[in-house]
Amino acid sequence: MIMIVGGAYQGKLKYALDRFKLTEEDIYHCADAGIAIPQGELCYEIDKWILALIQEWHDKQEAAAVDDAVRQFAKANPKAIVICNDISCGVVPIDPVMRAWREAVGRAMVRLNLQAEEVVRIFCGIPTKLK
């Protein structure tokens, strides 16, 4: 798995498409997955999938359920290129669902980044290899 992380609108998708010679047709938009496990060569905005999980499972042991779903995602997509928006910076949300989402994305990124063969952070369009 190759992880590409960074803030919103920093050039993550363009970097992935250019580097791996992919097209728009190769993109799996995780926002469209609902709570189903995303599967594809390029899984875009996995943070949006995690939001759908949190909204579905909030107040129902969502931390354990999301962690299990992320494990299933990693197992189903060992060779995927995964793009995630870094939502860890800034003000912590007051809304409990948004706060749970932020925490879940952080935990998911730790799990996926540790398993990934490569992790690249994009900042202002510039890639930096972290792993």
C-alpha atoms as a PDB file:
ATOM      1  CA  MET A   1       0.000   0.000   0.000  1.00  0.00           C
ATOM      2  CA  ILE A   2       1.152   3.518  -0.757  1.00  0.00           C
ATOM      3  CA  MET A   3      -0.275   6.294   1.407  1.00  0.00           C
ATOM      4  CA  ILE A   4      -0.460   9.887   0.200  1.00  0.00           C
ATOM      5  CA  VAL A   5      -1.435  12.357   2.908  1.00  0.00           C
ATOM      6  CA  GLY A   6      -1.694  16.104   3.264  1.00  0.00           C
ATOM      7  CA  GLY A   7      -4.068  18.980   3.713  1.00  0.00           C
ATOM      8  CA  ALA A   8      -7.042  19.706   1.492  1.00  0.00           C
ATOM      9  CA  TYR A   9      -6.261  21.100  -1.960  1.00  0.00           C
ATOM     10  CA  GLN A  10      -2.517  20.497  -1.684  1.00  0.00           C
ATOM     11  CA  GLY A  11      -2.129  18.461  -4.891  1.00  0.00           C
ATOM     12  CA  LYS A  12      -2.383  14.885  -3.577  1.00  0.00           C
ATOM     13  CA  LEU A  13      -4.583  13.579  -6.388  1.00  0.00           C
ATOM     14  CA  LYS A  14      -2.578  15.272  -9.162  1.00  0.00           C
ATOM     15  CA  TYR A  15       0.612  13.838  -7.676  1.00  0.00           C
ATOM     16  CA  ALA A  16      -0.844  10.311  -7.610  1.00  0.00           C
ATOM     17  CA  LEU A  17      -2.250  10.520 -11.132  1.00  0.00           C
ATOM     18  CA  ASP A  18       1.030  11.868 -12.553  1.00  0.00           C
ATOM     19  CA  ARG A  19       3.402   9.598 -10.636  1.00  0.00           C
ATOM     20  CA  PHE A  20       1.511   6.362 -11.264  1.00  0.00           C
ATOM     21  CA  LYS A  21       0.303   7.258 -14.793  1.00  0.00           C
ATOM     22  CA  LEU A  22      -3.358   6.851 -13.826  1.00  0.00           C
ATOM     23  CA  THR A  23      -6.493   8.439 -15.240  1.00  0.00           C
ATOM     24  CA  GLU A  24      -9.756   9.725 -13.773  1.00  0.00           C
ATOM     25  CA  GLU A  25     -11.283   6.300 -14.474  1.00  0.00           C
ATOM     26  CA  ASP A  26      -8.795   4.695 -12.052  1.00  0.00           C
ATOM     27  CA  ILE A  27     -10.061   6.766  -9.094  1.00  0.00           C
ATOM     28  CA  TYR A  28     -12.298   5.090  -6.528  1.00  0.00           C
ATOM     29  CA  HIS A  29     -14.065   7.938  -4.728  1.00  0.00           C
ATOM     30  CA  CYS A  30     -14.365   6.751  -1.132  1.00  0.00           C
ATOM     31  CA  ALA A  31     -17.047   9.368  -0.452  1.00  0.00           C
ATOM     32  CA  ASP A  32     -19.326   7.270  -2.671  1.00  0.00           C
ATOM     33  CA  ALA A  33     -18.709   4.014  -0.770  1.00  0.00           C
ATOM     34  CA  GLY A  34     -21.170   4.605   2.035  1.00  0.00           C
ATOM     35  CA  ILE A  35     -20.049   2.174   4.725  1.00  0.00           C
ATOM     36  CA  ALA A  36     -18.940  -0.527   2.258  1.00  0.00           C
ATOM     37  CA  ILE A  37     -15.223  -1.315   2.202  1.00  0.00           C
ATOM     38  CA  PRO A  38     -13.639   0.757  -0.614  1.00  0.00           C
ATOM     39  CA  GLN A  39     -11.673  -1.238  -3.185  1.00  0.00           C
ATOM     40  CA  GLY A  40      -9.644   0.080  -6.044  1.00  0.00           C
ATOM     41  CA  GLU A  41      -6.240   0.884  -7.437  1.00  0.00           C
ATOM     42  CA  LEU A  42      -6.481   4.485  -6.241  1.00  0.00           C
ATOM     43  CA  CYS A  43      -8.691   5.023  -3.182  1.00  0.00           C
ATOM     44  CA  TYR A  44      -9.310   8.763  -2.986  1.00  0.00           C
ATOM     45  CA  GLU A  45     -10.297  10.595   0.220  1.00  0.00           C
ATOM     46  CA  ILE A  46     -10.493   7.665   2.580  1.00  0.00           C
ATOM     47  CA  ASP A  47     -11.255  10.221   5.296  1.00  0.00           C
ATOM     48  CA  LYS A  48     -14.709  10.679   3.703  1.00  0.00           C
ATOM     49  CA  TRP A  49     -15.371   6.932   4.024  1.00  0.00           C
ATOM     50  CA  ILE A  50     -14.397   7.108   7.692  1.00  0.00           C
ATOM     51  CA  LEU A  51     -16.858   9.988   8.128  1.00  0.00           C
ATOM     52  CA  ALA A  52     -19.641   7.771   6.709  1.00  0.00           C
ATOM     53  CA  LEU A  53     -18.672   5.044   9.194  1.00  0.00           C
ATOM     54  CA  ILE A  54     -18.729   7.471  12.118  1.00  0.00           C
ATOM     55  CA  GLN A  55     -22.084   8.905  11.085  1.00  0.00           C
ATOM     56  CA  GLU A  56     -23.525   5.391  10.777  1.00  0.00           C
ATOM     57  CA  TRP A  57     -22.050   4.010  14.000  1.00  0.00           C
ATOM     58  CA  HIS A  58     -21.816   7.050  16.291  1.00  0.00           C
ATOM     59  CA  ASP A  59     -22.543   6.128  19.915  1.00  0.00           C
ATOM     60  CA  LYS A  60     -22.427   2.416  19.039  1.00  0.00           C
ATOM     61  CA  GLN A  61     -18.844   1.518  19.916  1.00  0.00           C
ATOM     62  CA  GLU A  62     -17.739   3.294  16.758  1.00  0.00           C
ATOM     63  CA  ALA A  63     -14.034   3.336  17.643  1.00  0.00           C
ATOM     64  CA  ALA A  64     -13.794  -0.466  17.650  1.00  0.00           C
ATOM     65  CA  ALA A  65     -16.072  -0.787  14.606  1.00  0.00           C
ATOM     66  CA  VAL A  66     -14.092   1.756  12.586  1.00  0.00           C
ATOM     67  CA  ASP A  67     -10.800   0.132  13.572  1.00  0.00           C
ATOM     68  CA  ASP A  68     -12.139  -3.227  12.387  1.00  0.00           C
ATOM     69  CA  ALA A  69     -13.347  -1.678   9.095  1.00  0.00           C
ATOM     70  CA  VAL A  70      -9.917  -0.082   8.541  1.00  0.00           C
ATOM     71  CA  ARG A  71      -8.260  -3.473   9.118  1.00  0.00           C
ATOM     72  CA  GLN A  72     -10.625  -5.004   6.540  1.00  0.00           C
ATOM     73  CA  PHE A  73      -9.822  -2.175   4.121  1.00  0.00           C
ATOM     74  CA  ALA A  74      -6.061  -2.775   4.493  1.00  0.00           C
ATOM     75  CA  LYS A  75      -6.501  -6.509   3.961  1.00  0.00           C
ATOM     76  CA  ALA A  76      -8.674  -5.977   0.852  1.00  0.00           C
ATOM     77  CA  ASN A  77      -6.329  -3.347  -0.668  1.00  0.00           C
ATOM     78  CA  PRO A  78      -2.698  -4.363  -0.006  1.00  0.00           C
ATOM     79  CA  LYS A  79      -1.445  -2.803  -3.275  1.00  0.00           C
ATOM     80  CA  ALA A  80      -3.697   0.271  -3.363  1.00  0.00           C
ATOM     81  CA  ILE A  81      -2.650   3.884  -3.546  1.00  0.00           C
ATOM     82  CA  VAL A  82      -4.599   5.572  -0.752  1.00  0.00           C
ATOM     83  CA  ILE A  83      -5.147   9.321  -0.488  1.00  0.00           C
ATOM     84  CA  CYS A  84      -6.229  10.870   2.804  1.00  0.00           C
ATOM     85  CA  ASN A  85      -6.828  14.464   3.799  1.00  0.00           C
ATOM     86  CA  ASP A  86      -4.978  15.377   6.980  1.00  0.00           C
ATOM     87  CA  ILE A  87      -7.731  16.718   9.220  1.00  0.00           C
ATOM     88  CA  SER A  88      -5.646  16.689  12.397  1.00  0.00           C
ATOM     89  CA  CYS A  89      -4.610  20.344  12.336  1.00  0.00           C
ATOM     90  CA  GLY A  90      -6.696  23.268  13.467  1.00  0.00           C
ATOM     91  CA  VAL A  91      -9.381  23.661  16.079  1.00  0.00           C
ATOM     92  CA  VAL A  92     -10.852  20.527  17.647  1.00  0.00           C
ATOM     93  CA  PRO A  93     -14.536  20.409  16.662  1.00  0.00           C
ATOM     94  CA  ILE A  94     -17.182  20.952  19.349  1.00  0.00           C
ATOM     95  CA  ASP A  95     -19.643  18.648  17.588  1.00  0.00           C
ATOM     96  CA  PRO A  96     -19.186  15.118  19.011  1.00  0.00           C
ATOM     97  CA  VAL A  97     -19.607  13.397  15.638  1.00  0.00           C
ATOM     98  CA  MET A  98     -17.011  15.632  13.963  1.00  0.00           C
ATOM     99  CA  ARG A  99     -14.646  15.153  16.916  1.00  0.00           C
ATOM    100  CA  ALA A 100     -15.097  11.365  16.698  1.00  0.00           C
ATOM    101  CA  TRP A 101     -14.387  11.582  12.947  1.00  0.00           C
ATOM    102  CA  ARG A 102     -11.183  13.522  13.499  1.00  0.00           C
ATOM    103  CA  GLU A 103     -10.011  10.994  16.100  1.00  0.00           C
ATOM    104  CA  ALA A 104     -10.973   8.027  13.899  1.00  0.00           C
ATOM    105  CA  VAL A 105      -9.071   9.425  10.906  1.00  0.00           C
ATOM    106  CA  GLY A 106      -6.008   9.905  13.104  1.00  0.00           C
ATOM    107  CA  ARG A 107      -6.160   6.311  14.386  1.00  0.00           C
ATOM    108  CA  ALA A 108      -6.754   4.987  10.859  1.00  0.00           C
ATOM    109  CA  MET A 109      -3.789   6.897   9.471  1.00  0.00           C
ATOM    110  CA  VAL A 110      -1.514   5.501  12.163  1.00  0.00           C
ATOM    111  CA  ARG A 111      -2.642   1.951  11.351  1.00  0.00           C
ATOM    112  CA  LEU A 112      -2.436   2.345   7.567  1.00  0.00           C
ATOM    113  CA  ASN A 113       0.813   4.318   7.542  1.00  0.00           C
ATOM    114  CA  LEU A 114       2.528   1.683   9.693  1.00  0.00           C
ATOM    115  CA  GLN A 115       1.441  -1.025   7.237  1.00  0.00           C
ATOM    116  CA  ALA A 116       2.241   0.970   4.092  1.00  0.00           C
ATOM    117  CA  GLU A 117       5.386   0.315   2.110  1.00  0.00           C
ATOM    118  CA  GLU A 118       5.590   4.033   1.344  1.00  0.00           C
ATOM    119  CA  VAL A 119       4.102   7.203   2.837  1.00  0.00           C
ATOM    120  CA  VAL A 120       4.281  10.535   0.997  1.00  0.00           C
ATOM    121  CA  ARG A 121       3.117  13.869   2.403  1.00  0.00           C
ATOM    122  CA  ILE A 122       2.102  16.580  -0.053  1.00  0.00           C
ATOM    123  CA  PHE A 123       2.395  20.182   1.097  1.00  0.00           C
ATOM    124  CA  CYS A 124       1.805  23.028  -1.376  1.00  0.00           C
ATOM    125  CA  GLY A 125       2.212  20.570  -4.237  1.00  0.00           C
ATOM    126  CA  ILE A 126       5.602  19.358  -3.024  1.00  0.00           C
ATOM    127  CA  PRO A 127       5.935  15.652  -2.151  1.00  0.00           C
ATOM    128  CA  THR A 128       8.028  14.631   0.839  1.00  0.00           C
ATOM    129  CA  LYS A 129       8.687  10.939   1.393  1.00  0.00           C
ATOM    130  CA  LEU A 130       8.063  10.092   5.047  1.00  0.00           C
ATOM    131  CA  LYS A 131       8.549   6.355   4.741  1.00  0.00           C
END
